[in-house]
Structures are given as C-alpha cells and as structure tokens.
C-alpha atoms as a PDB file:
ATOM      1  CA  MET A   1     115.550 101.226  92.352  1.00  0.00           C
ATOM      2  CA  ILE A   2     115.231  97.841  90.742  1.00  0.00           C
ATOM      3  CA  GLU A   3     112.978  98.454  87.737  1.00  0.00           C
ATOM      4  CA  ASP A   4     114.403  96.335  84.937  1.00  0.00           C
ATOM      5  CA  HIS A   5     115.116  92.650  84.367  1.00  0.00           C
ATOM      6  CA  SER A   6     118.799  93.353  83.609  1.00  0.00           C
ATOM      7  CA  VAL A   7     119.283  94.835  87.085  1.00  0.00           C
ATOM      8  CA  VAL A   8     117.618  91.819  88.690  1.00  0.00           C
ATOM      9  CA  GLU A   9     119.997  89.553  86.764  1.00  0.00           C
ATOM     10  CA  ASP A  10     123.002  91.526  88.094  1.00  0.00           C
ATOM     11  CA  ILE A  11     121.608  92.233  91.552  1.00  0.00           C
ATOM     12  CA  ASN A  12     124.826  91.192  93.285  1.00  0.00           C
ATOM     13  CA  GLY A  13     126.752  93.698  91.181  1.00  0.00           C
ATOM     14  CA  THR A  14     124.264  96.415  92.066  1.00  0.00           C
ATOM     15  CA  LEU A  15     124.401  95.578  95.761  1.00  0.00           C
ATOM     16  CA  GLY A  16     128.200  95.651  95.605  1.00  0.00           C
ATOM     17  CA  VAL A  17     128.388  99.234  94.323  1.00  0.00           C
ATOM     18  CA  ASP A  18     130.013 101.534  96.868  1.00  0.00           C
ATOM     19  CA  GLY A  19     127.348 103.796  98.360  1.00  0.00           C
ATOM     20  CA  VAL A  20     124.408 101.444  97.750  1.00  0.00           C
ATOM     21  CA  HIS A  21     122.986 100.894 101.218  1.00  0.00           C
ATOM     22  CA  GLY A  22     119.725  99.238 100.201  1.00  0.00           C
ATOM     23  CA  VAL A  23     117.357  98.826  97.258  1.00  0.00           C
ATOM     24  CA  PHE A  24     113.731  99.429  96.350  1.00  0.00           C
ATOM     25  CA  VAL A  25     112.009  97.008  93.976  1.00  0.00           C
ATOM     26  CA  GLY A  26     109.762  98.910  91.568  1.00  0.00           C
ATOM     27  CA  ARG A  27     107.317  96.053  91.040  1.00  0.00           C
ATOM     28  CA  GLY A  28     105.007  98.073  88.792  1.00  0.00           C
ATOM     29  CA  ASP A  29     107.903  99.209  86.638  1.00  0.00           C
ATOM     30  CA  LEU A  30     109.211  95.632  86.409  1.00  0.00           C
ATOM     31  CA  THR A  31     105.784  94.512  85.246  1.00  0.00           C
ATOM     32  CA  VAL A  32     105.719  97.199  82.550  1.00  0.00           C
ATOM     33  CA  ALA A  33     109.331  96.502  81.526  1.00  0.00           C
ATOM     34  CA  MET A  34     108.393  92.846  80.961  1.00  0.00           C
ATOM     35  CA  ASN A  35     105.260  93.906  79.038  1.00  0.00           C
ATOM     36  CA  ASP A  36     103.098  91.841  81.386  1.00  0.00           C
ATOM     37  CA  ARG A  37      99.790  93.616  81.870  1.00  0.00           C
ATOM     38  CA  SER A  38      97.986  90.581  83.313  1.00  0.00           C
ATOM     39  CA  GLY A  39      98.571  91.531  86.948  1.00  0.00           C
ATOM     40  CA  GLY A  40     100.091  89.234  89.528  1.00  0.00           C
ATOM     41  CA  SER A  41     103.115  88.663  87.300  1.00  0.00           C
ATOM     42  CA  ARG A  42     104.975  85.496  88.280  1.00  0.00           C
ATOM     43  CA  PHE A  43     108.163  87.068  86.893  1.00  0.00           C
ATOM     44  CA  VAL A  44     107.839  89.985  89.307  1.00  0.00           C
ATOM     45  CA  GLU A  45     107.272  87.614  92.226  1.00  0.00           C
ATOM     46  CA  VAL A  46     110.378  85.580  91.328  1.00  0.00           C
ATOM     47  CA  ALA A  47     112.443  88.726  90.715  1.00  0.00           C
ATOM     48  CA  THR A  48     111.387  90.224  94.051  1.00  0.00           C
ATOM     49  CA  GLU A  49     112.298  86.998  95.864  1.00  0.00           C
ATOM     50  CA  LYS A  50     115.714  86.969  94.153  1.00  0.00           C
ATOM     51  CA  VAL A  51     116.389  90.561  95.200  1.00  0.00           C
ATOM     52  CA  ILE A  52     115.264  89.866  98.781  1.00  0.00           C
ATOM     53  CA  ARG A  53     117.608  86.860  99.047  1.00  0.00           C
ATOM     54  CA  ALA A  54     120.568  88.750  97.557  1.00  0.00           C
ATOM     55  CA  ALA A  55     120.017  91.838  99.709  1.00  0.00           C
ATOM     56  CA  GLY A  56     119.692  89.673 102.812  1.00  0.00           C
ATOM     57  CA  ALA A  57     122.963  87.922 101.994  1.00  0.00           C
ATOM     58  CA  ALA A  58     124.608  91.325 101.492  1.00  0.00           C
ATOM     59  CA  GLY A  59     123.159  92.631 104.766  1.00  0.00           C
ATOM     60  CA  LYS A  60     121.230  95.392 103.005  1.00  0.00           C
ATOM     61  CA  PRO A  61     117.549  96.296 103.294  1.00  0.00           C
ATOM     62  CA  VAL A  62     115.137  95.823 100.430  1.00  0.00           C
ATOM     63  CA  LEU A  63     111.850  97.689 100.165  1.00  0.00           C
ATOM     64  CA  PHE A  64     108.852  97.150  97.925  1.00  0.00           C
ATOM     65  CA  VAL A  65     105.150  97.930  97.897  1.00  0.00           C
ATOM     66  CA  ARG A  66     103.017  94.929  98.677  1.00  0.00           C
ATOM     67  CA  LYS A  67      99.802  94.347  96.829  1.00  0.00           C
ATOM     68  CA  PHE A  68      96.941  96.016  98.687  1.00  0.00           C
ATOM     69  CA  GLY A  69      95.164  93.489 100.851  1.00  0.00           C
ATOM     70  CA  ALA A  70      97.994  90.970 100.616  1.00  0.00           C
ATOM     71  CA  ARG A  71      98.597  88.868 103.667  1.00  0.00           C
ATOM     72  CA  GLY A  72     101.580  86.896 104.734  1.00  0.00           C
END
C-alpha cells in the first residue's frame, strides 16, 4: 500500500522489490499523512498519477478507490 509521501518519492524502489506484484494507493491515508483535510488534495492527485505511470512502466497493476461519482 502506498500511504506516505516517502513511498511515492521512491515508488520505483518499491516496485522493484522482489515479490511486489502490484500496489494499492491509499488516497485517504496519503491525504491524512500530508495533513490536508480540504478534500480533493492536488498532492494526492499528482502522487496517484506518478504511481500509475511508474507501475505501468514496470508492468505492474495499480489500484485505488476513485472518488464516488467521479467520471473519466
């Protein structure tokens, strides 16, 4: 689970660990870890995009819960 900014910063290292076959982005936990209670955190959006790109490049799935009612 990706729940802290430090893991996002070293996502390639995390994805390279033997036995890691995919990741889950804990968007709520990232928001709390960054002390951003405003909702719709831009940091969390950017972090999620970074993880998605890195996981795609590594050929590994990434999961996350989308905001209810989100479209796209």
